[in-house]
Amino acid sequence: MTTINIYIPRILGSVTEAEILSVFPRMDIGNVTKIDMKYKINERKHGYYYAFITIQLYSTIRATNFKKNVYEYGMIRLLYDEEAAQYWEIKHHIDRNKRIN
């Protein structure tokens, strides 16, 4: 199976790690194999998270399109809660030591 490393720069402070872990399998994209969530407070004193995530992609059309779009566009929006109209901006993550400056 193929893996992809992604970065989510803003996650609502009320979203838990368990919720993130459940989104990608539910959407038929893949299983999260690693998650590193960091907490931050913005200029308005509201808390939020950002996360670095590794996903083991399924062999599905949705997973293939997800990977293709992240690589091609650099950033995509993933609607993870349709009822509340909540989405994450997802970016391709490349480790610092592997980046070309």
PDB file of N, CA and C in Angstrom:
ATOM      1  N   MET A   1       0.829  -1.193   0.000  1.00  0.00           N
ATOM      2  CA  MET A   1       0.000   0.000   0.000  1.00  0.00           C
ATOM      3  C   MET A   1       0.867   1.248   0.000  1.00  0.00           C
ATOM      4  N   THR A   2       0.332   2.277  -0.562  1.00  0.00           N
ATOM      5  CA  THR A   2       1.002   3.560  -0.650  1.00  0.00           C
ATOM      6  C   THR A   2       0.679   4.408   0.571  1.00  0.00           C
ATOM      7  N   THR A   3       1.639   5.227   0.974  1.00  0.00           N
ATOM      8  CA  THR A   3       1.385   6.159   2.071  1.00  0.00           C
ATOM      9  C   THR A   3       1.538   7.589   1.571  1.00  0.00           C
ATOM     10  N   ILE A   4       0.925   8.512   2.299  1.00  0.00           N
ATOM     11  CA  ILE A   4       1.047   9.932   2.003  1.00  0.00           C
ATOM     12  C   ILE A   4       1.197  10.672   3.328  1.00  0.00           C
ATOM     13  N   ASN A   5       2.038  11.684   3.319  1.00  0.00           N
ATOM     14  CA  ASN A   5       2.220  12.546   4.483  1.00  0.00           C
ATOM     15  C   ASN A   5       1.516  13.860   4.206  1.00  0.00           C
ATOM     16  N   ILE A   6       0.632  14.233   5.119  1.00  0.00           N
ATOM     17  CA  ILE A   6      -0.119  15.465   4.938  1.00  0.00           C
ATOM     18  C   ILE A   6       0.046  16.367   6.156  1.00  0.00           C
ATOM     19  N   TYR A   7      -0.341  17.608   5.953  1.00  0.00           N
ATOM     20  CA  TYR A   7      -0.304  18.622   6.998  1.00  0.00           C
ATOM     21  C   TYR A   7      -1.650  19.332   6.998  1.00  0.00           C
ATOM     22  N   ILE A   8      -2.272  19.454   8.160  1.00  0.00           N
ATOM     23  CA  ILE A   8      -3.510  20.217   8.306  1.00  0.00           C
ATOM     24  C   ILE A   8      -3.166  21.418   9.188  1.00  0.00           C
ATOM     25  N   PRO A   9      -3.135  22.624   8.613  1.00  0.00           N
ATOM     26  CA  PRO A   9      -2.696  23.789   9.381  1.00  0.00           C
ATOM     27  C   PRO A   9      -3.677  24.287  10.435  1.00  0.00           C
ATOM     28  N   ARG A  10      -4.965  24.005  10.288  1.00  0.00           N
ATOM     29  CA  ARG A  10      -5.954  24.464  11.283  1.00  0.00           C
ATOM     30  C   ARG A  10      -7.030  23.414  11.486  1.00  0.00           C
ATOM     31  N   ILE A  11      -7.164  23.017  12.751  1.00  0.00           N
ATOM     32  CA  ILE A  11      -8.199  22.070  13.150  1.00  0.00           C
ATOM     33  C   ILE A  11      -8.902  22.686  14.352  1.00  0.00           C
ATOM     34  N   LEU A  12     -10.212  22.708  14.328  1.00  0.00           N
ATOM     35  CA  LEU A  12     -10.967  23.282  15.440  1.00  0.00           C
ATOM     36  C   LEU A  12     -10.497  22.698  16.767  1.00  0.00           C
ATOM     37  N   GLY A  13     -10.448  23.523  17.792  1.00  0.00           N
ATOM     38  CA  GLY A  13      -9.997  23.094  19.108  1.00  0.00           C
ATOM     39  C   GLY A  13     -10.853  22.008  19.728  1.00  0.00           C
ATOM     40  N   SER A  14     -12.083  21.856  19.234  1.00  0.00           N
ATOM     41  CA  SER A  14     -12.989  20.838  19.770  1.00  0.00           C
ATOM     42  C   SER A  14     -12.825  19.468  19.103  1.00  0.00           C
ATOM     43  N   VAL A  15     -12.060  19.390  18.021  1.00  0.00           N
ATOM     44  CA  VAL A  15     -11.854  18.135  17.295  1.00  0.00           C
ATOM     45  C   VAL A  15     -10.797  17.308  18.014  1.00  0.00           C
ATOM     46  N   THR A  16     -11.100  16.032  18.222  1.00  0.00           N
ATOM     47  CA  THR A  16     -10.170  15.156  18.932  1.00  0.00           C
ATOM     48  C   THR A  16      -9.342  14.319  17.955  1.00  0.00           C
ATOM     49  N   GLU A  17      -8.289  13.752  18.480  1.00  0.00           N
ATOM     50  CA  GLU A  17      -7.452  12.856  17.673  1.00  0.00           C
ATOM     51  C   GLU A  17      -8.272  11.663  17.185  1.00  0.00           C
ATOM     52  N   ALA A  18      -9.142  11.143  18.034  1.00  0.00           N
ATOM     53  CA  ALA A  18      -9.991   9.998  17.655  1.00  0.00           C
ATOM     54  C   ALA A  18     -10.885  10.350  16.467  1.00  0.00           C
ATOM     55  N   GLU A  19     -11.387  11.569  16.443  1.00  0.00           N
ATOM     56  CA  GLU A  19     -12.222  11.988  15.306  1.00  0.00           C
ATOM     57  C   GLU A  19     -11.417  12.025  14.013  1.00  0.00           C
ATOM     58  N   ILE A  20     -10.205  12.541  14.100  1.00  0.00           N
ATOM     59  CA  ILE A  20      -9.348  12.585  12.909  1.00  0.00           C
ATOM     60  C   ILE A  20      -9.043  11.171  12.435  1.00  0.00           C
ATOM     61  N   LEU A  21      -8.731  10.283  13.386  1.00  0.00           N
ATOM     62  CA  LEU A  21      -8.435   8.890  13.029  1.00  0.00           C
ATOM     63  C   LEU A  21      -9.600   8.213  12.324  1.00  0.00           C
ATOM     64  N   SER A  22     -10.827   8.612  12.644  1.00  0.00           N
ATOM     65  CA  SER A  22     -11.999   7.961  12.054  1.00  0.00           C
ATOM     66  C   SER A  22     -12.401   8.523  10.692  1.00  0.00           C
ATOM     67  N   VAL A  23     -12.010   9.753  10.389  1.00  0.00           N
ATOM     68  CA  VAL A  23     -12.456  10.404   9.155  1.00  0.00           C
ATOM     69  C   VAL A  23     -11.934   9.714   7.900  1.00  0.00           C
ATOM     70  N   PHE A  24     -10.644   9.435   7.840  1.00  0.00           N
ATOM     71  CA  PHE A  24     -10.050   8.926   6.610  1.00  0.00           C
ATOM     72  C   PHE A  24     -10.543   7.523   6.232  1.00  0.00           C
ATOM     73  N   PRO A  25     -10.683   6.582   7.167  1.00  0.00           N
ATOM     74  CA  PRO A  25     -11.282   5.292   6.800  1.00  0.00           C
ATOM     75  C   PRO A  25     -12.757   5.431   6.395  1.00  0.00           C
ATOM     76  N   ARG A  26     -13.484   6.272   7.123  1.00  0.00           N
ATOM     77  CA  ARG A  26     -14.906   6.477   6.824  1.00  0.00           C
ATOM     78  C   ARG A  26     -15.109   7.037   5.417  1.00  0.00           C
ATOM     79  N   MET A  27     -14.171   7.845   4.969  1.00  0.00           N
ATOM     80  CA  MET A  27     -14.266   8.445   3.638  1.00  0.00           C
ATOM     81  C   MET A  27     -13.622   7.574   2.560  1.00  0.00           C
ATOM     82  N   ASP A  28     -13.210   6.358   2.947  1.00  0.00           N
ATOM     83  CA  ASP A  28     -12.625   5.392   2.022  1.00  0.00           C
ATOM     84  C   ASP A  28     -11.302   5.875   1.424  1.00  0.00           C
ATOM     85  N   ILE A  29     -10.530   6.601   2.254  1.00  0.00           N
ATOM     86  CA  ILE A  29      -9.234   7.118   1.812  1.00  0.00           C
ATOM     87  C   ILE A  29      -8.095   6.246   2.337  1.00  0.00           C
ATOM     88  N   GLY A  30      -8.120   5.924   3.621  1.00  0.00           N
ATOM     89  CA  GLY A  30      -7.054   5.092   4.180  1.00  0.00           C
ATOM     90  C   GLY A  30      -7.031   5.131   5.691  1.00  0.00           C
ATOM     91  N   ASN A  31      -6.057   4.430   6.255  1.00  0.00           N
ATOM     92  CA  ASN A  31      -5.872   4.372   7.701  1.00  0.00           C
ATOM     93  C   ASN A  31      -4.745   5.299   8.126  1.00  0.00           C
ATOM     94  N   VAL A  32      -4.976   6.068   9.169  1.00  0.00           N
ATOM     95  CA  VAL A  32      -3.942   6.929   9.726  1.00  0.00           C
ATOM     96  C   VAL A  32      -2.976   6.045  10.502  1.00  0.00           C
ATOM     97  N   THR A  33      -1.704   6.084  10.119  1.00  0.00           N
ATOM     98  CA  THR A  33      -0.701   5.275  10.807  1.00  0.00           C
ATOM     99  C   THR A  33       0.124   6.100  11.780  1.00  0.00           C
ATOM    100  N   LYS A  34       0.106   7.424  11.601  1.00  0.00           N
ATOM    101  CA  LYS A  34       0.846   8.301  12.497  1.00  0.00           C
ATOM    102  C   LYS A  34       0.156   9.660  12.514  1.00  0.00           C
ATOM    103  N   ILE A  35       0.035  10.226  13.708  1.00  0.00           N
ATOM    104  CA  ILE A  35      -0.547  11.565  13.843  1.00  0.00           C
ATOM    105  C   ILE A  35       0.224  12.322  14.921  1.00  0.00           C
ATOM    106  N   ASP A  36       0.586  13.541  14.591  1.00  0.00           N
ATOM    107  CA  ASP A  36       1.286  14.414  15.527  1.00  0.00           C
ATOM    108  C   ASP A  36       0.506  15.729  15.573  1.00  0.00           C
ATOM    109  N   MET A  37      -0.343  15.869  16.611  1.00  0.00           N
ATOM    110  CA  MET A  37      -1.175  17.067  16.760  1.00  0.00           C
ATOM    111  C   MET A  37      -0.500  18.032  17.723  1.00  0.00           C
ATOM    112  N   LYS A  38      -0.518  19.293  17.356  1.00  0.00           N
ATOM    113  CA  LYS A  38       0.051  20.356  18.192  1.00  0.00           C
ATOM    114  C   LYS A  38      -1.047  21.369  18.487  1.00  0.00           C
ATOM    115  N   TYR A  39      -1.060  21.881  19.711  1.00  0.00           N
ATOM    116  CA  TYR A  39      -2.055  22.863  20.133  1.00  0.00           C
ATOM    117  C   TYR A  39      -1.451  24.258  20.075  1.00  0.00           C
ATOM    118  N   LYS A  40      -2.259  25.204  19.622  1.00  0.00           N
ATOM    119  CA  LYS A  40      -1.796  26.582  19.508  1.00  0.00           C
ATOM    120  C   LYS A  40      -2.954  27.520  19.841  1.00  0.00           C
ATOM    121  N   ILE A  41      -2.639  28.730  20.269  1.00  0.00           N
ATOM    122  CA  ILE A  41      -3.654  29.743  20.540  1.00  0.00           C
ATOM    123  C   ILE A  41      -3.433  30.895  19.567  1.00  0.00           C
ATOM    124  N   ASN A  42      -4.525  31.292  18.869  1.00  0.00           N
ATOM    125  CA  ASN A  42      -4.387  32.352  17.876  1.00  0.00           C
ATOM    126  C   ASN A  42      -4.411  33.735  18.521  1.00  0.00           C
ATOM    127  N   GLU A  43      -4.330  34.751  17.689  1.00  0.00           N
ATOM    128  CA  GLU A  43      -4.278  36.136  18.174  1.00  0.00           C
ATOM    129  C   GLU A  43      -5.552  36.577  18.901  1.00  0.00           C
ATOM    130  N   ARG A  44      -6.648  35.883  18.672  1.00  0.00           N
ATOM    131  CA  ARG A  44      -7.913  36.182  19.360  1.00  0.00           C
ATOM    132  C   ARG A  44      -8.128  35.308  20.591  1.00  0.00           C
ATOM    133  N   LYS A  45      -7.079  34.626  20.990  1.00  0.00           N
ATOM    134  CA  LYS A  45      -7.094  33.764  22.180  1.00  0.00           C
ATOM    135  C   LYS A  45      -7.983  32.531  22.033  1.00  0.00           C
ATOM    136  N   HIS A  46      -8.183  32.086  20.802  1.00  0.00           N
ATOM    137  CA  HIS A  46      -8.939  30.863  20.541  1.00  0.00           C
ATOM    138  C   HIS A  46      -7.959  29.727  20.261  1.00  0.00           C
ATOM    139  N   GLY A  47      -8.202  28.585  20.880  1.00  0.00           N
ATOM    140  CA  GLY A  47      -7.328  27.441  20.689  1.00  0.00           C
ATOM    141  C   GLY A  47      -7.673  26.658  19.439  1.00  0.00           C
ATOM    142  N   TYR A  48      -6.655  26.133  18.805  1.00  0.00           N
ATOM    143  CA  TYR A  48      -6.822  25.257  17.646  1.00  0.00           C
ATOM    144  C   TYR A  48      -5.632  24.303  17.585  1.00  0.00           C
ATOM    145  N   TYR A  49      -5.750  23.316  16.741  1.00  0.00           N
ATOM    146  CA  TYR A  49      -4.677  22.363  16.526  1.00  0.00           C
ATOM    147  C   TYR A  49      -4.167  22.470  15.100  1.00  0.00           C
ATOM    148  N   TYR A  50      -2.970  21.975  14.900  1.00  0.00           N
ATOM    149  CA  TYR A  50      -2.474  21.666  13.564  1.00  0.00           C
ATOM    150  C   TYR A  50      -1.882  20.270  13.675  1.00  0.00           C
ATOM    151  N   ALA A  51      -1.806  19.575  12.546  1.00  0.00           N
ATOM    152  CA  ALA A  51      -1.386  18.174  12.627  1.00  0.00           C
ATOM    153  C   ALA A  51      -0.573  17.740  11.422  1.00  0.00           C
ATOM    154  N   PHE A  52       0.358  16.856  11.702  1.00  0.00           N
ATOM    155  CA  PHE A  52       1.139  16.162  10.681  1.00  0.00           C
ATOM    156  C   PHE A  52       0.659  14.718  10.721  1.00  0.00           C
ATOM    157  N   ILE A  53       0.247  14.199   9.565  1.00  0.00           N
ATOM    158  CA  ILE A  53      -0.420  12.901   9.526  1.00  0.00           C
ATOM    159  C   ILE A  53       0.164  12.039   8.408  1.00  0.00           C
ATOM    160  N   THR A  54       0.350  10.763   8.704  1.00  0.00           N
ATOM    161  CA  THR A  54       0.725   9.777   7.684  1.00  0.00           C
ATOM    162  C   THR A  54      -0.469   8.849   7.496  1.00  0.00           C
ATOM    163  N   ILE A  55      -0.852   8.670   6.242  1.00  0.00           N
ATOM    164  CA  ILE A  55      -2.007   7.831   5.922  1.00  0.00           C
ATOM    165  C   ILE A  55      -1.565   6.704   5.000  1.00  0.00           C
ATOM    166  N   GLN A  56      -1.951   5.488   5.363  1.00  0.00           N
ATOM    167  CA  GLN A  56      -1.751   4.350   4.487  1.00  0.00           C
ATOM    168  C   GLN A  56      -2.993   4.278   3.612  1.00  0.00           C
ATOM    169  N   LEU A  57      -2.820   4.605   2.341  1.00  0.00           N
ATOM    170  CA  LEU A  57      -3.952   4.741   1.430  1.00  0.00           C
ATOM    171  C   LEU A  57      -4.545   3.398   1.032  1.00  0.00           C
ATOM    172  N   TYR A  58      -5.857   3.384   0.913  1.00  0.00           N
ATOM    173  CA  TYR A  58      -6.558   2.221   0.382  1.00  0.00           C
ATOM    174  C   TYR A  58      -6.359   2.165  -1.133  1.00  0.00           C
ATOM    175  N   SER A  59      -6.666   1.030  -1.720  1.00  0.00           N
ATOM    176  CA  SER A  59      -6.631   0.887  -3.177  1.00  0.00           C
ATOM    177  C   SER A  59      -8.022   1.199  -3.717  1.00  0.00           C
ATOM    178  N   THR A  60      -8.431   2.462  -3.547  1.00  0.00           N
ATOM    179  CA  THR A  60      -9.751   2.897  -3.995  1.00  0.00           C
ATOM    180  C   THR A  60      -9.605   4.124  -4.889  1.00  0.00           C
ATOM    181  N   ILE A  61     -10.640   4.390  -5.639  1.00  0.00           N
ATOM    182  CA  ILE A  61     -10.643   5.579  -6.491  1.00  0.00           C
ATOM    183  C   ILE A  61     -10.554   6.839  -5.643  1.00  0.00           C
ATOM    184  N   ARG A  62     -11.274   6.864  -4.520  1.00  0.00           N
ATOM    185  CA  ARG A  62     -11.234   8.046  -3.641  1.00  0.00           C
ATOM    186  C   ARG A  62      -9.821   8.298  -3.121  1.00  0.00           C
ATOM    187  N   ALA A  63      -9.131   7.241  -2.717  1.00  0.00           N
ATOM    188  CA  ALA A  63      -7.764   7.391  -2.203  1.00  0.00           C
ATOM    189  C   ALA A  63      -6.817   7.866  -3.305  1.00  0.00           C
ATOM    190  N   THR A  64      -6.973   7.298  -4.478  1.00  0.00           N
ATOM    191  CA  THR A  64      -6.142   7.701  -5.622  1.00  0.00           C
ATOM    192  C   THR A  64      -6.366   9.166  -5.963  1.00  0.00           C
ATOM    193  N   ASN A  65      -7.618   9.587  -6.010  1.00  0.00           N
ATOM    194  CA  ASN A  65      -7.938  10.985  -6.305  1.00  0.00           C
ATOM    195  C   ASN A  65      -7.443  11.922  -5.201  1.00  0.00           C
ATOM    196  N   PHE A  66      -7.567  11.486  -3.955  1.00  0.00           N
ATOM    197  CA  PHE A  66      -7.083  12.278  -2.824  1.00  0.00           C
ATOM    198  C   PHE A  66      -5.590  12.557  -2.993  1.00  0.00           C
ATOM    199  N   LYS A  67      -4.816  11.506  -3.197  1.00  0.00           N
ATOM    200  CA  LYS A  67      -3.367  11.650  -3.353  1.00  0.00           C
ATOM    201  C   LYS A  67      -3.024  12.513  -4.566  1.00  0.00           C
ATOM    202  N   LYS A  68      -3.655  12.230  -5.678  1.00  0.00           N
ATOM    203  CA  LYS A  68      -3.398  12.973  -6.920  1.00  0.00           C
ATOM    204  C   LYS A  68      -3.669  14.462  -6.722  1.00  0.00           C
ATOM    205  N   ASN A  69      -4.787  14.788  -6.104  1.00  0.00           N
ATOM    206  CA  ASN A  69      -5.161  16.190  -5.924  1.00  0.00           C
ATOM    207  C   ASN A  69      -4.254  16.908  -4.925  1.00  0.00           C
ATOM    208  N   VAL A  70      -3.860  16.232  -3.858  1.00  0.00           N
ATOM    209  CA  VAL A  70      -2.938  16.845  -2.892  1.00  0.00           C
ATOM    210  C   VAL A  70      -1.617  17.163  -3.583  1.00  0.00           C
ATOM    211  N   TYR A  71      -1.085  16.215  -4.359  1.00  0.00           N
ATOM    212  CA  TYR A  71       0.185  16.438  -5.049  1.00  0.00           C
ATOM    213  C   TYR A  71       0.051  17.495  -6.142  1.00  0.00           C
ATOM    214  N   GLU A  72      -1.024  17.421  -6.906  1.00  0.00           N
ATOM    215  CA  GLU A  72      -1.194  18.314  -8.059  1.00  0.00           C
ATOM    216  C   GLU A  72      -1.479  19.757  -7.655  1.00  0.00           C
ATOM    217  N   TYR A  73      -2.351  19.954  -6.688  1.00  0.00           N
ATOM    218  CA  TYR A  73      -2.783  21.301  -6.321  1.00  0.00           C
ATOM    219  C   TYR A  73      -2.069  21.862  -5.094  1.00  0.00           C
ATOM    220  N   GLY A  74      -1.360  21.023  -4.356  1.00  0.00           N
ATOM    221  CA  GLY A  74      -0.643  21.493  -3.190  1.00  0.00           C
ATOM    222  C   GLY A  74      -1.510  21.664  -1.956  1.00  0.00           C
ATOM    223  N   MET A  75      -2.795  21.936  -2.149  1.00  0.00           N
ATOM    224  CA  MET A  75      -3.738  22.105  -1.050  1.00  0.00           C
ATOM    225  C   MET A  75      -5.124  21.749  -1.551  1.00  0.00           C
ATOM    226  N   ILE A  76      -5.822  20.955  -0.762  1.00  0.00           N
ATOM    227  CA  ILE A  76      -7.212  20.638  -1.077  1.00  0.00           C
ATOM    228  C   ILE A  76      -8.052  20.860   0.168  1.00  0.00           C
ATOM    229  N   ARG A  77      -9.344  20.958  -0.029  1.00  0.00           N
ATOM    230  CA  ARG A  77     -10.278  21.048   1.094  1.00  0.00           C
ATOM    231  C   ARG A  77     -11.031  19.728   1.192  1.00  0.00           C
ATOM    232  N   LEU A  78     -11.010  19.166   2.386  1.00  0.00           N
ATOM    233  CA  LEU A  78     -11.702  17.902   2.636  1.00  0.00           C
ATOM    234  C   LEU A  78     -12.867  18.172   3.574  1.00  0.00           C
ATOM    235  N   LEU A  79     -14.070  18.003   3.073  1.00  0.00           N
ATOM    236  CA  LEU A  79     -15.284  18.201   3.869  1.00  0.00           C
ATOM    237  C   LEU A  79     -15.448  16.978   4.763  1.00  0.00           C
ATOM    238  N   TYR A  80     -15.108  17.131   6.047  1.00  0.00           N
ATOM    239  CA  TYR A  80     -15.147  15.995   6.968  1.00  0.00           C
ATOM    240  C   TYR A  80     -16.437  15.934   7.773  1.00  0.00           C
ATOM    241  N   ASP A  81     -17.196  17.024   7.822  1.00  0.00           N
ATOM    242  CA  ASP A  81     -18.476  17.047   8.538  1.00  0.00           C
ATOM    243  C   ASP A  81     -19.476  17.823   7.694  1.00  0.00           C
ATOM    244  N   GLU A  82     -20.215  17.085   6.886  1.00  0.00           N
ATOM    245  CA  GLU A  82     -21.134  17.705   5.942  1.00  0.00           C
ATOM    246  C   GLU A  82     -22.254  18.470   6.648  1.00  0.00           C
ATOM    247  N   GLU A  83     -22.784  17.904   7.725  1.00  0.00           N
ATOM    248  CA  GLU A  83     -23.871  18.556   8.465  1.00  0.00           C
ATOM    249  C   GLU A  83     -23.484  19.935   8.965  1.00  0.00           C
ATOM    250  N   ALA A  84     -22.296  20.043   9.508  1.00  0.00           N
ATOM    251  CA  ALA A  84     -21.824  21.312  10.069  1.00  0.00           C
ATOM    252  C   ALA A  84     -21.032  22.128   9.045  1.00  0.00           C
ATOM    253  N   ALA A  85     -20.895  21.606   7.831  1.00  0.00           N
ATOM    254  CA  ALA A  85     -20.136  22.261   6.755  1.00  0.00           C
ATOM    255  C   ALA A  85     -18.700  22.575   7.199  1.00  0.00           C
ATOM    256  N   GLN A  86     -18.069  21.610   7.869  1.00  0.00           N
ATOM    257  CA  GLN A  86     -16.697  21.769   8.350  1.00  0.00           C
ATOM    258  C   GLN A  86     -15.731  21.049   7.409  1.00  0.00           C
ATOM    259  N   TYR A  87     -14.644  21.726   7.083  1.00  0.00           N
ATOM    260  CA  TYR A  87     -13.636  21.131   6.216  1.00  0.00           C
ATOM    261  C   TYR A  87     -12.243  21.431   6.772  1.00  0.00           C
ATOM    262  N   TRP A  88     -11.287  20.649   6.305  1.00  0.00           N
ATOM    263  CA  TRP A  88      -9.881  20.894   6.605  1.00  0.00           C
ATOM    264  C   TRP A  88      -9.177  21.258   5.317  1.00  0.00           C
ATOM    265  N   GLU A  89      -8.251  22.188   5.408  1.00  0.00           N
ATOM    266  CA  GLU A  89      -7.326  22.420   4.305  1.00  0.00           C
ATOM    267  C   GLU A  89      -6.197  21.423   4.503  1.00  0.00           C
ATOM    268  N   ILE A  90      -5.971  20.630   3.503  1.00  0.00           N
ATOM    269  CA  ILE A  90      -4.954  19.583   3.593  1.00  0.00           C
ATOM    270  C   ILE A  90      -3.842  19.888   2.605  1.00  0.00           C
ATOM    271  N   LYS A  91      -2.623  19.851   3.116  1.00  0.00           N
ATOM    272  CA  LYS A  91      -1.446  20.125   2.293  1.00  0.00           C
ATOM    273  C   LYS A  91      -0.508  18.930   2.323  1.00  0.00           C
ATOM    274  N   HIS A  92       0.237  18.776   1.257  1.00  0.00           N
ATOM    275  CA  HIS A  92       1.254  17.729   1.205  1.00  0.00           C
ATOM    276  C   HIS A  92       2.385  18.140   2.143  1.00  0.00           C
ATOM    277  N   HIS A  93       2.825  17.226   2.984  1.00  0.00           N
ATOM    278  CA  HIS A  93       3.902  17.529   3.924  1.00  0.00           C
ATOM    279  C   HIS A  93       5.176  16.825   3.499  1.00  0.00           C
ATOM    280  N   ILE A  94       6.241  17.605   3.441  1.00  0.00           N
ATOM    281  CA  ILE A  94       7.575  17.070   3.147  1.00  0.00           C
ATOM    282  C   ILE A  94       8.453  17.409   4.346  1.00  0.00           C
ATOM    283  N   ASP A  95       9.112  16.401   4.911  1.00  0.00           N
ATOM    284  CA  ASP A  95      10.000  16.628   6.057  1.00  0.00           C
ATOM    285  C   ASP A  95      11.042  17.690   5.728  1.00  0.00           C
ATOM    286  N   ARG A  96      11.400  18.468   6.731  1.00  0.00           N
ATOM    287  CA  ARG A  96      12.379  19.563   6.523  1.00  0.00           C
ATOM    288  C   ARG A  96      13.668  19.075   5.911  1.00  0.00           C
ATOM    289  N   ASN A  97      14.172  17.933   6.385  1.00  0.00           N
ATOM    290  CA  ASN A  97      15.461  17.448   5.879  1.00  0.00           C
ATOM    291  C   ASN A  97      15.382  16.930   4.440  1.00  0.00           C
ATOM    292  N   LYS A  98      14.183  16.799   3.883  1.00  0.00           N
ATOM    293  CA  LYS A  98      14.030  16.326   2.502  1.00  0.00           C
ATOM    294  C   LYS A  98      13.605  17.454   1.553  1.00  0.00           C
ATOM    295  N   ARG A  99      13.390  18.657   2.084  1.00  0.00           N
ATOM    296  CA  ARG A  99      12.965  19.790   1.263  1.00  0.00           C
ATOM    297  C   ARG A  99      14.149  20.362   0.482  1.00  0.00           C
ATOM    298  N   ILE A 100      13.834  20.833  -0.708  1.00  0.00           N
ATOM    299  CA  ILE A 100      14.827  21.510  -1.526  1.00  0.00           C
ATOM    300  C   ILE A 100      14.578  23.004  -1.365  1.00  0.00           C
ATOM    301  N   ASN A 101      15.590  23.724  -0.911  1.00  0.00           N
ATOM    302  CA  ASN A 101      15.424  25.172  -0.687  1.00  0.00           C
ATOM    303  C   ASN A 101      15.718  25.978  -1.895  1.00  0.00           C
TER     304      ASN A 101
END
